[in-house]
């Protein structure tokens, strides 16, 4: 059931043109605006936890006591389809590729800033061009937050787990964009939720990439509790795909394009690897 929901949701994500009502940010942000979290830190912490946790709890209760097997399958597929919605970031990536083919450095920088703002909720203060490292870091993070982490939460905690992660992810972006005091709460929560999935995802990078070169870096991340998710993903991916960032002085958009696409291919192979692992767990009887 879990494997079929995953495959169906991923297929729909590629085939269906989403309206705004199938975007995760629309629902979470609408609820946050109505919830009106106070700027007082203690009160904000309690109310944010309540808002983020209750939807997942209600969904878990519905699956347990109300919905049958087939309705649960439909509900899980719909929830998963909404949680992996990253149409805006995918479009920005497409526009960036077109600009890179034209060697339009100004347009590429603009799209990188848009992705940075949309993904991290803050403006990118770096103005110097690079060899694609900045764009690749953002795309690895986007792939992780909208696919890798969601799939892992769905596999181990079902639709309620994926829904809870989605709420935390979108709430943090919303509060970062508005420079809200509540962003400190969501940042700590998101960091805690992503710590283990980020290490699991980078383990996939080792297996689908160059294991021997990246193994040492991956082992170092296991004892690191300070680096954020983007740093962990990039540090391992750089070695797994043998991407050398020392060539940024010889800057060209053709080189940046190759640099970015190498990371995207690595992330895509890792998603396929997750699906293979899910299918093996299903065949072995460990997953329903």
C-alpha atoms as a PDB file:
ATOM      1  CA  UNK A   1       0.000   0.000   0.000  1.00  0.00           C
ATOM      2  CA  UNK A   2       2.823   2.421   0.924  1.00  0.00           C
ATOM      3  CA  UNK A   3       4.789   1.626  -2.224  1.00  0.00           C
ATOM      4  CA  UNK A   4       1.747   2.013  -4.482  1.00  0.00           C
ATOM      5  CA  UNK A   5       0.865   5.356  -2.861  1.00  0.00           C
ATOM      6  CA  UNK A   6       4.439   6.563  -3.380  1.00  0.00           C
ATOM      7  CA  UNK A   7       4.550   5.549  -7.029  1.00  0.00           C
ATOM      8  CA  UNK A   8       1.113   6.984  -7.744  1.00  0.00           C
ATOM      9  CA  UNK A   9       1.818  10.307  -6.019  1.00  0.00           C
ATOM     10  CA  UNK A  10       5.175  10.715  -7.801  1.00  0.00           C
ATOM     11  CA  UNK A  11       3.576   9.876 -11.152  1.00  0.00           C
ATOM     12  CA  UNK A  12       0.768  12.386 -10.592  1.00  0.00           C
ATOM     13  CA  UNK A  13       3.330  15.014  -9.593  1.00  0.00           C
ATOM     14  CA  UNK A  14       4.966  14.679 -13.014  1.00  0.00           C
ATOM     15  CA  UNK A  15       1.761  14.380 -15.050  1.00  0.00           C
ATOM     16  CA  UNK A  16      -0.793  16.695 -13.416  1.00  0.00           C
ATOM     17  CA  UNK A  17      -0.798  20.481 -13.606  1.00  0.00           C
ATOM     18  CA  UNK A  18      -1.437  21.645 -10.058  1.00  0.00           C
ATOM     19  CA  UNK A  19      -3.849  24.412  -9.136  1.00  0.00           C
ATOM     20  CA  UNK A  20      -3.043  26.515  -6.082  1.00  0.00           C
ATOM     21  CA  UNK A  21      -5.311  24.342  -3.937  1.00  0.00           C
ATOM     22  CA  UNK A  22      -2.992  21.369  -4.452  1.00  0.00           C
ATOM     23  CA  UNK A  23      -0.002  23.306  -3.105  1.00  0.00           C
ATOM     24  CA  UNK A  24       1.055  22.566   0.463  1.00  0.00           C
ATOM     25  CA  UNK A  25       2.006  26.180   1.195  1.00  0.00           C
ATOM     26  CA  UNK A  26      -1.511  27.446   0.428  1.00  0.00           C
ATOM     27  CA  UNK A  27      -3.202  25.369   3.120  1.00  0.00           C
ATOM     28  CA  UNK A  28      -0.555  25.735   5.818  1.00  0.00           C
ATOM     29  CA  UNK A  29      -0.158  29.487   5.373  1.00  0.00           C
ATOM     30  CA  UNK A  30      -3.897  30.070   5.322  1.00  0.00           C
ATOM     31  CA  UNK A  31      -4.167  28.269   8.643  1.00  0.00           C
ATOM     32  CA  UNK A  32      -1.224  30.160  10.127  1.00  0.00           C
ATOM     33  CA  UNK A  33      -2.723  33.525   9.211  1.00  0.00           C
ATOM     34  CA  UNK A  34      -6.001  32.585  10.884  1.00  0.00           C
ATOM     35  CA  UNK A  35      -4.170  31.117  13.871  1.00  0.00           C
ATOM     36  CA  UNK A  36      -2.417  34.473  14.433  1.00  0.00           C
ATOM     37  CA  UNK A  37       0.571  33.305  16.501  1.00  0.00           C
ATOM     38  CA  UNK A  38       1.633  35.888  19.091  1.00  0.00           C
ATOM     39  CA  UNK A  39       5.089  37.417  18.899  1.00  0.00           C
ATOM     40  CA  UNK A  40       5.679  36.500  22.547  1.00  0.00           C
ATOM     41  CA  UNK A  41       8.123  33.609  22.461  1.00  0.00           C
ATOM     42  CA  UNK A  42       6.651  31.422  25.229  1.00  0.00           C
ATOM     43  CA  UNK A  43       3.085  31.749  24.001  1.00  0.00           C
ATOM     44  CA  UNK A  44       4.164  31.343  20.373  1.00  0.00           C
ATOM     45  CA  UNK A  45       5.973  28.099  21.207  1.00  0.00           C
ATOM     46  CA  UNK A  46       2.901  26.521  22.783  1.00  0.00           C
ATOM     47  CA  UNK A  47       0.483  27.625  20.066  1.00  0.00           C
ATOM     48  CA  UNK A  48       2.766  26.623  17.207  1.00  0.00           C
ATOM     49  CA  UNK A  49       3.169  23.113  18.613  1.00  0.00           C
ATOM     50  CA  UNK A  50      -0.602  22.848  18.936  1.00  0.00           C
ATOM     51  CA  UNK A  51      -1.261  24.018  15.390  1.00  0.00           C
ATOM     52  CA  UNK A  52       1.409  21.809  13.797  1.00  0.00           C
ATOM     53  CA  UNK A  53       0.663  18.648  15.753  1.00  0.00           C
ATOM     54  CA  UNK A  54      -3.161  18.593  15.760  1.00  0.00           C
ATOM     55  CA  UNK A  55      -3.675  17.963  11.982  1.00  0.00           C
ATOM     56  CA  UNK A  56      -1.377  14.927  12.067  1.00  0.00           C
ATOM     57  CA  UNK A  57      -3.076  13.622  15.218  1.00  0.00           C
ATOM     58  CA  UNK A  58      -6.544  14.022  13.700  1.00  0.00           C
ATOM     59  CA  UNK A  59      -5.416  12.246  10.531  1.00  0.00           C
ATOM     60  CA  UNK A  60      -3.950   9.373  12.547  1.00  0.00           C
ATOM     61  CA  UNK A  61      -7.213   8.978  14.468  1.00  0.00           C
ATOM     62  CA  UNK A  62      -9.212   8.990  11.238  1.00  0.00           C
ATOM     63  CA  UNK A  63      -7.016   6.270   9.743  1.00  0.00           C
ATOM     64  CA  UNK A  64      -7.275   4.159  12.891  1.00  0.00           C
ATOM     65  CA  UNK A  65     -10.959   4.424  13.761  1.00  0.00           C
ATOM     66  CA  UNK A  66     -12.876   5.744  10.741  1.00  0.00           C
ATOM     67  CA  UNK A  67     -11.324   4.997   7.367  1.00  0.00           C
ATOM     68  CA  UNK A  68     -11.120   1.502   5.931  1.00  0.00           C
ATOM     69  CA  UNK A  69      -8.251   0.065   3.939  1.00  0.00           C
ATOM     70  CA  UNK A  70      -9.212   1.463   0.538  1.00  0.00           C
ATOM     71  CA  UNK A  71     -10.164   4.925   1.850  1.00  0.00           C
ATOM     72  CA  UNK A  72      -6.897   5.048   3.788  1.00  0.00           C
ATOM     73  CA  UNK A  73      -5.018   4.289   0.573  1.00  0.00           C
ATOM     74  CA  UNK A  74      -6.812   7.155  -1.218  1.00  0.00           C
ATOM     75  CA  UNK A  75      -6.229   9.531   1.695  1.00  0.00           C
ATOM     76  CA  UNK A  76      -2.528   8.628   1.945  1.00  0.00           C
ATOM     77  CA  UNK A  77      -2.008   9.206  -1.775  1.00  0.00           C
ATOM     78  CA  UNK A  78      -3.718  12.614  -1.641  1.00  0.00           C
ATOM     79  CA  UNK A  79      -1.724  13.706   1.415  1.00  0.00           C
ATOM     80  CA  UNK A  80       1.527  12.547  -0.173  1.00  0.00           C
ATOM     81  CA  UNK A  81       0.669  14.309  -3.440  1.00  0.00           C
ATOM     82  CA  UNK A  82       0.152  17.592  -1.579  1.00  0.00           C
ATOM     83  CA  UNK A  83       3.275  17.261   0.577  1.00  0.00           C
ATOM     84  CA  UNK A  84       5.619  16.848  -2.422  1.00  0.00           C
ATOM     85  CA  UNK A  85       4.329  19.947  -4.191  1.00  0.00           C
ATOM     86  CA  UNK A  86       7.311  21.998  -5.371  1.00  0.00           C
ATOM     87  CA  UNK A  87       6.056  23.261  -8.746  1.00  0.00           C
ATOM     88  CA  UNK A  88       7.387  26.760  -8.139  1.00  0.00           C
ATOM     89  CA  UNK A  89      10.927  25.555  -7.459  1.00  0.00           C
ATOM     90  CA  UNK A  90      10.845  23.201 -10.440  1.00  0.00           C
ATOM     91  CA  UNK A  91       9.835  26.104 -12.708  1.00  0.00           C
ATOM     92  CA  UNK A  92      12.645  28.272 -11.325  1.00  0.00           C
ATOM     93  CA  UNK A  93      15.120  25.485 -12.085  1.00  0.00           C
ATOM     94  CA  UNK A  94      13.848  25.224 -15.666  1.00  0.00           C
ATOM     95  CA  UNK A  95      14.174  28.977 -16.160  1.00  0.00           C
ATOM     96  CA  UNK A  96      17.677  28.881 -14.670  1.00  0.00           C
ATOM     97  CA  UNK A  97      18.731  26.159 -17.149  1.00  0.00           C
ATOM     98  CA  UNK A  98      17.415  28.223 -20.063  1.00  0.00           C
ATOM     99  CA  UNK A  99      19.322  31.272 -18.815  1.00  0.00           C
ATOM    100  CA  UNK A 100      22.499  29.205 -18.346  1.00  0.00           C
ATOM    101  CA  UNK A 101      22.286  27.955 -21.941  1.00  0.00           C
ATOM    102  CA  UNK A 102      22.086  31.595 -23.051  1.00  0.00           C
ATOM    103  CA  UNK A 103      25.095  32.443 -20.827  1.00  0.00           C
ATOM    104  CA  UNK A 104      22.847  35.042 -19.154  1.00  0.00           C
ATOM    105  CA  UNK A 105      24.589  35.475 -15.816  1.00  0.00           C
ATOM    106  CA  UNK A 106      22.222  38.210 -14.636  1.00  0.00           C
ATOM    107  CA  UNK A 107      19.124  36.060 -15.183  1.00  0.00           C
ATOM    108  CA  UNK A 108      20.776  33.067 -13.519  1.00  0.00           C
ATOM    109  CA  UNK A 109      21.611  35.172 -10.479  1.00  0.00           C
ATOM    110  CA  UNK A 110      17.994  36.405 -10.346  1.00  0.00           C
ATOM    111  CA  UNK A 111      16.596  32.856 -10.394  1.00  0.00           C
ATOM    112  CA  UNK A 112      19.082  31.753  -7.751  1.00  0.00           C
ATOM    113  CA  UNK A 113      17.889  34.564  -5.507  1.00  0.00           C
ATOM    114  CA  UNK A 114      14.256  33.638  -6.108  1.00  0.00           C
ATOM    115  CA  UNK A 115      14.955  30.017  -5.173  1.00  0.00           C
ATOM    116  CA  UNK A 116      16.913  31.097  -2.107  1.00  0.00           C
ATOM    117  CA  UNK A 117      14.078  33.341  -0.919  1.00  0.00           C
ATOM    118  CA  UNK A 118      11.353  30.803  -1.643  1.00  0.00           C
ATOM    119  CA  UNK A 119      13.195  27.875  -0.057  1.00  0.00           C
ATOM    120  CA  UNK A 120      14.887  29.508   2.934  1.00  0.00           C
ATOM    121  CA  UNK A 121      12.539  32.444   3.499  1.00  0.00           C
ATOM    122  CA  UNK A 122      15.324  35.044   3.434  1.00  0.00           C
ATOM    123  CA  UNK A 123      17.185  37.004   0.789  1.00  0.00           C
ATOM    124  CA  UNK A 124      20.569  35.841  -0.454  1.00  0.00           C
ATOM    125  CA  UNK A 125      23.165  38.473   0.435  1.00  0.00           C
ATOM    126  CA  UNK A 126      25.886  36.947  -1.757  1.00  0.00           C
ATOM    127  CA  UNK A 127      26.383  38.889  -4.960  1.00  0.00           C
ATOM    128  CA  UNK A 128      29.453  37.277  -6.509  1.00  0.00           C
ATOM    129  CA  UNK A 129      28.860  34.661  -9.253  1.00  0.00           C
ATOM    130  CA  UNK A 130      30.089  31.139  -8.696  1.00  0.00           C
ATOM    131  CA  UNK A 131      30.432  27.884 -10.614  1.00  0.00           C
ATOM    132  CA  UNK A 132      26.926  26.670  -9.784  1.00  0.00           C
ATOM    133  CA  UNK A 133      27.677  25.608  -6.218  1.00  0.00           C
ATOM    134  CA  UNK A 134      25.099  27.990  -4.730  1.00  0.00           C
ATOM    135  CA  UNK A 135      22.336  26.791  -7.079  1.00  0.00           C
ATOM    136  CA  UNK A 136      23.227  23.169  -6.538  1.00  0.00           C
ATOM    137  CA  UNK A 137      23.096  23.530  -2.750  1.00  0.00           C
ATOM    138  CA  UNK A 138      19.611  24.984  -3.034  1.00  0.00           C
ATOM    139  CA  UNK A 139      18.393  22.277  -5.409  1.00  0.00           C
ATOM    140  CA  UNK A 140      19.741  19.498  -3.180  1.00  0.00           C
ATOM    141  CA  UNK A 141      17.904  21.057  -0.244  1.00  0.00           C
ATOM    142  CA  UNK A 142      14.689  21.436  -2.273  1.00  0.00           C
ATOM    143  CA  UNK A 143      14.874  17.807  -3.409  1.00  0.00           C
ATOM    144  CA  UNK A 144      15.414  16.692   0.171  1.00  0.00           C
ATOM    145  CA  UNK A 145      12.633  18.751   1.748  1.00  0.00           C
ATOM    146  CA  UNK A 146      10.009  18.053  -0.896  1.00  0.00           C
ATOM    147  CA  UNK A 147      10.886  14.477  -1.811  1.00  0.00           C
ATOM    148  CA  UNK A 148      13.546  12.704   0.247  1.00  0.00           C
ATOM    149  CA  UNK A 149      12.441  13.734   3.744  1.00  0.00           C
ATOM    150  CA  UNK A 150       8.751  13.418   2.877  1.00  0.00           C
ATOM    151  CA  UNK A 151       9.252   9.884   1.541  1.00  0.00           C
ATOM    152  CA  UNK A 152      11.181   8.838   4.658  1.00  0.00           C
ATOM    153  CA  UNK A 153       8.549  10.250   7.008  1.00  0.00           C
ATOM    154  CA  UNK A 154       5.836   8.572   4.949  1.00  0.00           C
ATOM    155  CA  UNK A 155       7.580   5.191   4.994  1.00  0.00           C
ATOM    156  CA  UNK A 156       8.147   5.115   8.750  1.00  0.00           C
ATOM    157  CA  UNK A 157       5.247   7.215  10.102  1.00  0.00           C
ATOM    158  CA  UNK A 158       2.648   7.051   7.346  1.00  0.00           C
ATOM    159  CA  UNK A 159       0.578   9.956   6.078  1.00  0.00           C
ATOM    160  CA  UNK A 160       0.354  11.617   9.554  1.00  0.00           C
ATOM    161  CA  UNK A 161       4.142  11.767   9.747  1.00  0.00           C
ATOM    162  CA  UNK A 162       4.446  13.259   6.262  1.00  0.00           C
ATOM    163  CA  UNK A 163       1.695  15.763   7.104  1.00  0.00           C
ATOM    164  CA  UNK A 164       3.431  16.830  10.320  1.00  0.00           C
ATOM    165  CA  UNK A 165       6.737  17.372   8.515  1.00  0.00           C
ATOM    166  CA  UNK A 166       4.987  19.349   5.764  1.00  0.00           C
ATOM    167  CA  UNK A 167       3.322  21.642   8.314  1.00  0.00           C
ATOM    168  CA  UNK A 168       6.629  22.327  10.063  1.00  0.00           C
ATOM    169  CA  UNK A 169       8.415  22.932   6.744  1.00  0.00           C
ATOM    170  CA  UNK A 170       5.858  25.394   5.399  1.00  0.00           C
ATOM    171  CA  UNK A 171       5.396  27.140   8.751  1.00  0.00           C
ATOM    172  CA  UNK A 172       9.117  27.768   9.024  1.00  0.00           C
ATOM    173  CA  UNK A 173       9.279  29.274   5.525  1.00  0.00           C
ATOM    174  CA  UNK A 174       6.275  31.461   6.282  1.00  0.00           C
ATOM    175  CA  UNK A 175       7.724  32.828   9.522  1.00  0.00           C
ATOM    176  CA  UNK A 176      11.174  33.357   8.016  1.00  0.00           C
ATOM    177  CA  UNK A 177       9.698  35.401   5.178  1.00  0.00           C
ATOM    178  CA  UNK A 178       7.803  37.590   7.649  1.00  0.00           C
ATOM    179  CA  UNK A 179      10.736  37.757  10.105  1.00  0.00           C
ATOM    180  CA  UNK A 180       8.430  36.510  12.831  1.00  0.00           C
ATOM    181  CA  UNK A 181       9.726  35.636  16.289  1.00  0.00           C
ATOM    182  CA  UNK A 182       8.044  32.255  15.921  1.00  0.00           C
ATOM    183  CA  UNK A 183      10.651  31.347  13.272  1.00  0.00           C
ATOM    184  CA  UNK A 184      13.082  30.506  16.085  1.00  0.00           C
ATOM    185  CA  UNK A 185      10.701  27.816  17.309  1.00  0.00           C
ATOM    186  CA  UNK A 186      10.076  26.309  13.869  1.00  0.00           C
ATOM    187  CA  UNK A 187      13.795  26.434  13.040  1.00  0.00           C
ATOM    188  CA  UNK A 188      14.701  24.302  16.060  1.00  0.00           C
ATOM    189  CA  UNK A 189      11.859  21.900  15.342  1.00  0.00           C
ATOM    190  CA  UNK A 190      12.729  21.568  11.651  1.00  0.00           C
ATOM    191  CA  UNK A 191      16.410  21.033  12.462  1.00  0.00           C
ATOM    192  CA  UNK A 192      15.508  18.232  14.884  1.00  0.00           C
ATOM    193  CA  UNK A 193      13.133  16.590  12.399  1.00  0.00           C
ATOM    194  CA  UNK A 194      15.670  16.698   9.573  1.00  0.00           C
ATOM    195  CA  UNK A 195      18.785  15.594  11.447  1.00  0.00           C
ATOM    196  CA  UNK A 196      18.339  11.846  10.976  1.00  0.00           C
ATOM    197  CA  UNK A 197      16.614  11.935   7.528  1.00  0.00           C
ATOM    198  CA  UNK A 198      19.450  14.120   6.216  1.00  0.00           C
ATOM    199  CA  UNK A 199      22.010  11.494   7.270  1.00  0.00           C
ATOM    200  CA  UNK A 200      19.873   8.746   5.750  1.00  0.00           C
ATOM    201  CA  UNK A 201      19.589  10.698   2.505  1.00  0.00           C
ATOM    202  CA  UNK A 202      23.324  11.311   2.297  1.00  0.00           C
ATOM    203  CA  UNK A 203      23.877   7.601   2.924  1.00  0.00           C
ATOM    204  CA  UNK A 204      21.919   7.119  -0.296  1.00  0.00           C
ATOM    205  CA  UNK A 205      24.314   9.553  -1.989  1.00  0.00           C
ATOM    206  CA  UNK A 206      27.167   7.225  -1.030  1.00  0.00           C
ATOM    207  CA  UNK A 207      25.466   4.176  -2.473  1.00  0.00           C
ATOM    208  CA  UNK A 208      24.379   5.753  -5.766  1.00  0.00           C
ATOM    209  CA  UNK A 209      27.523   7.888  -6.065  1.00  0.00           C
ATOM    210  CA  UNK A 210      31.207   7.431  -5.237  1.00  0.00           C
ATOM    211  CA  UNK A 211      31.150   5.575  -1.939  1.00  0.00           C
ATOM    212  CA  UNK A 212      34.860   5.562  -1.118  1.00  0.00           C
ATOM    213  CA  UNK A 213      35.354   9.315  -1.618  1.00  0.00           C
ATOM    214  CA  UNK A 214      32.287  10.386   0.358  1.00  0.00           C
ATOM    215  CA  UNK A 215      32.297   7.803   3.157  1.00  0.00           C
ATOM    216  CA  UNK A 216      34.689   9.781   5.352  1.00  0.00           C
ATOM    217  CA  UNK A 217      32.649  12.973   5.047  1.00  0.00           C
ATOM    218  CA  UNK A 218      29.430  11.091   5.781  1.00  0.00           C
ATOM    219  CA  UNK A 219      30.889   9.562   8.947  1.00  0.00           C
ATOM    220  CA  UNK A 220      31.852  13.050  10.126  1.00  0.00           C
ATOM    221  CA  UNK A 221      28.238  14.223   9.753  1.00  0.00           C
ATOM    222  CA  UNK A 222      27.103  11.539  12.207  1.00  0.00           C
ATOM    223  CA  UNK A 223      28.853  13.326  15.061  1.00  0.00           C
ATOM    224  CA  UNK A 224      28.062  16.846  13.866  1.00  0.00           C
ATOM    225  CA  UNK A 225      25.100  18.464  15.605  1.00  0.00           C
ATOM    226  CA  UNK A 226      25.615  22.056  14.465  1.00  0.00           C
ATOM    227  CA  UNK A 227      25.715  22.109  10.643  1.00  0.00           C
ATOM    228  CA  UNK A 228      22.389  22.842   9.036  1.00  0.00           C
ATOM    229  CA  UNK A 229      20.709  20.480   6.585  1.00  0.00           C
ATOM    230  CA  UNK A 230      21.953  22.249   3.456  1.00  0.00           C
ATOM    231  CA  UNK A 231      25.571  21.993   4.621  1.00  0.00           C
ATOM    232  CA  UNK A 232      25.237  18.287   5.426  1.00  0.00           C
ATOM    233  CA  UNK A 233      23.667  17.476   2.059  1.00  0.00           C
ATOM    234  CA  UNK A 234      26.198  19.490   0.090  1.00  0.00           C
ATOM    235  CA  UNK A 235      29.284  18.265   1.935  1.00  0.00           C
ATOM    236  CA  UNK A 236      28.486  14.645   1.106  1.00  0.00           C
ATOM    237  CA  UNK A 237      27.090  15.270  -2.389  1.00  0.00           C
ATOM    238  CA  UNK A 238      30.233  17.211  -3.356  1.00  0.00           C
ATOM    239  CA  UNK A 239      32.334  14.107  -2.730  1.00  0.00           C
ATOM    240  CA  UNK A 240      29.810  11.518  -3.905  1.00  0.00           C
ATOM    241  CA  UNK A 241      29.509  13.165  -7.315  1.00  0.00           C
ATOM    242  CA  UNK A 242      33.168  14.307  -7.399  1.00  0.00           C
ATOM    243  CA  UNK A 243      32.263  17.972  -7.766  1.00  0.00           C
ATOM    244  CA  UNK A 244      35.251  20.201  -7.248  1.00  0.00           C
ATOM    245  CA  UNK A 245      34.303  23.698  -6.115  1.00  0.00           C
ATOM    246  CA  UNK A 246      37.817  25.020  -6.470  1.00  0.00           C
ATOM    247  CA  UNK A 247      37.155  25.990 -10.064  1.00  0.00           C
ATOM    248  CA  UNK A 248      34.861  28.889  -9.248  1.00  0.00           C
ATOM    249  CA  UNK A 249      37.525  31.395 -10.353  1.00  0.00           C
ATOM    250  CA  UNK A 250      37.206  30.149 -13.915  1.00  0.00           C
ATOM    251  CA  UNK A 251      33.544  31.082 -14.014  1.00  0.00           C
ATOM    252  CA  UNK A 252      31.268  30.290 -16.959  1.00  0.00           C
ATOM    253  CA  UNK A 253      27.593  29.416 -17.119  1.00  0.00           C
ATOM    254  CA  UNK A 254      28.359  26.304 -19.170  1.00  0.00           C
ATOM    255  CA  UNK A 255      30.527  25.003 -16.327  1.00  0.00           C
ATOM    256  CA  UNK A 256      27.890  26.040 -13.776  1.00  0.00           C
ATOM    257  CA  UNK A 257      25.212  24.180 -15.750  1.00  0.00           C
ATOM    258  CA  UNK A 258      27.242  20.960 -15.748  1.00  0.00           C
ATOM    259  CA  UNK A 259      27.974  21.446 -12.058  1.00  0.00           C
ATOM    260  CA  UNK A 260      24.294  21.866 -11.148  1.00  0.00           C
ATOM    261  CA  UNK A 261      22.990  19.060 -13.349  1.00  0.00           C
ATOM    262  CA  UNK A 262      25.483  16.629 -11.797  1.00  0.00           C
ATOM    263  CA  UNK A 263      23.943  17.292  -8.382  1.00  0.00           C
ATOM    264  CA  UNK A 264      20.410  16.986  -9.741  1.00  0.00           C
ATOM    265  CA  UNK A 265      21.222  13.608 -11.280  1.00  0.00           C
ATOM    266  CA  UNK A 266      22.636  12.449  -7.953  1.00  0.00           C
ATOM    267  CA  UNK A 267      19.462  13.522  -6.128  1.00  0.00           C
ATOM    268  CA  UNK A 268      17.236  11.783  -8.685  1.00  0.00           C
ATOM    269  CA  UNK A 269      19.200   8.547  -8.407  1.00  0.00           C
ATOM    270  CA  UNK A 270      18.821   8.739  -4.656  1.00  0.00           C
ATOM    271  CA  UNK A 271      15.016   9.001  -4.930  1.00  0.00           C
ATOM    272  CA  UNK A 272      15.019   5.920  -7.158  1.00  0.00           C
ATOM    273  CA  UNK A 273      17.182   4.173  -4.565  1.00  0.00           C
ATOM    274  CA  UNK A 274      14.635   5.039  -1.848  1.00  0.00           C
ATOM    275  CA  UNK A 275      11.871   3.520  -3.978  1.00  0.00           C
ATOM    276  CA  UNK A 276      13.939   0.362  -4.490  1.00  0.00           C
ATOM    277  CA  UNK A 277      14.518   0.056  -0.738  1.00  0.00           C
ATOM    278  CA  UNK A 278      10.792   0.594  -0.145  1.00  0.00           C
ATOM    279  CA  UNK A 279       9.918  -2.157  -2.604  1.00  0.00           C
ATOM    280  CA  UNK A 280      12.370  -4.569  -0.934  1.00  0.00           C
ATOM    281  CA  UNK A 281      10.921  -3.789   2.491  1.00  0.00           C
ATOM    282  CA  UNK A 282       7.452  -4.378   1.095  1.00  0.00           C
ATOM    283  CA  UNK A 283       8.410  -7.700  -0.468  1.00  0.00           C
ATOM    284  CA  UNK A 284      10.076  -8.726   2.788  1.00  0.00           C
ATOM    285  CA  UNK A 285       6.885  -8.012   4.725  1.00  0.00           C
ATOM    286  CA  UNK A 286       8.318  -5.132   6.824  1.00  0.00           C
ATOM    287  CA  UNK A 287       6.014  -2.582   5.182  1.00  0.00           C
ATOM    288  CA  UNK A 288       2.319  -2.877   4.466  1.00  0.00           C
END
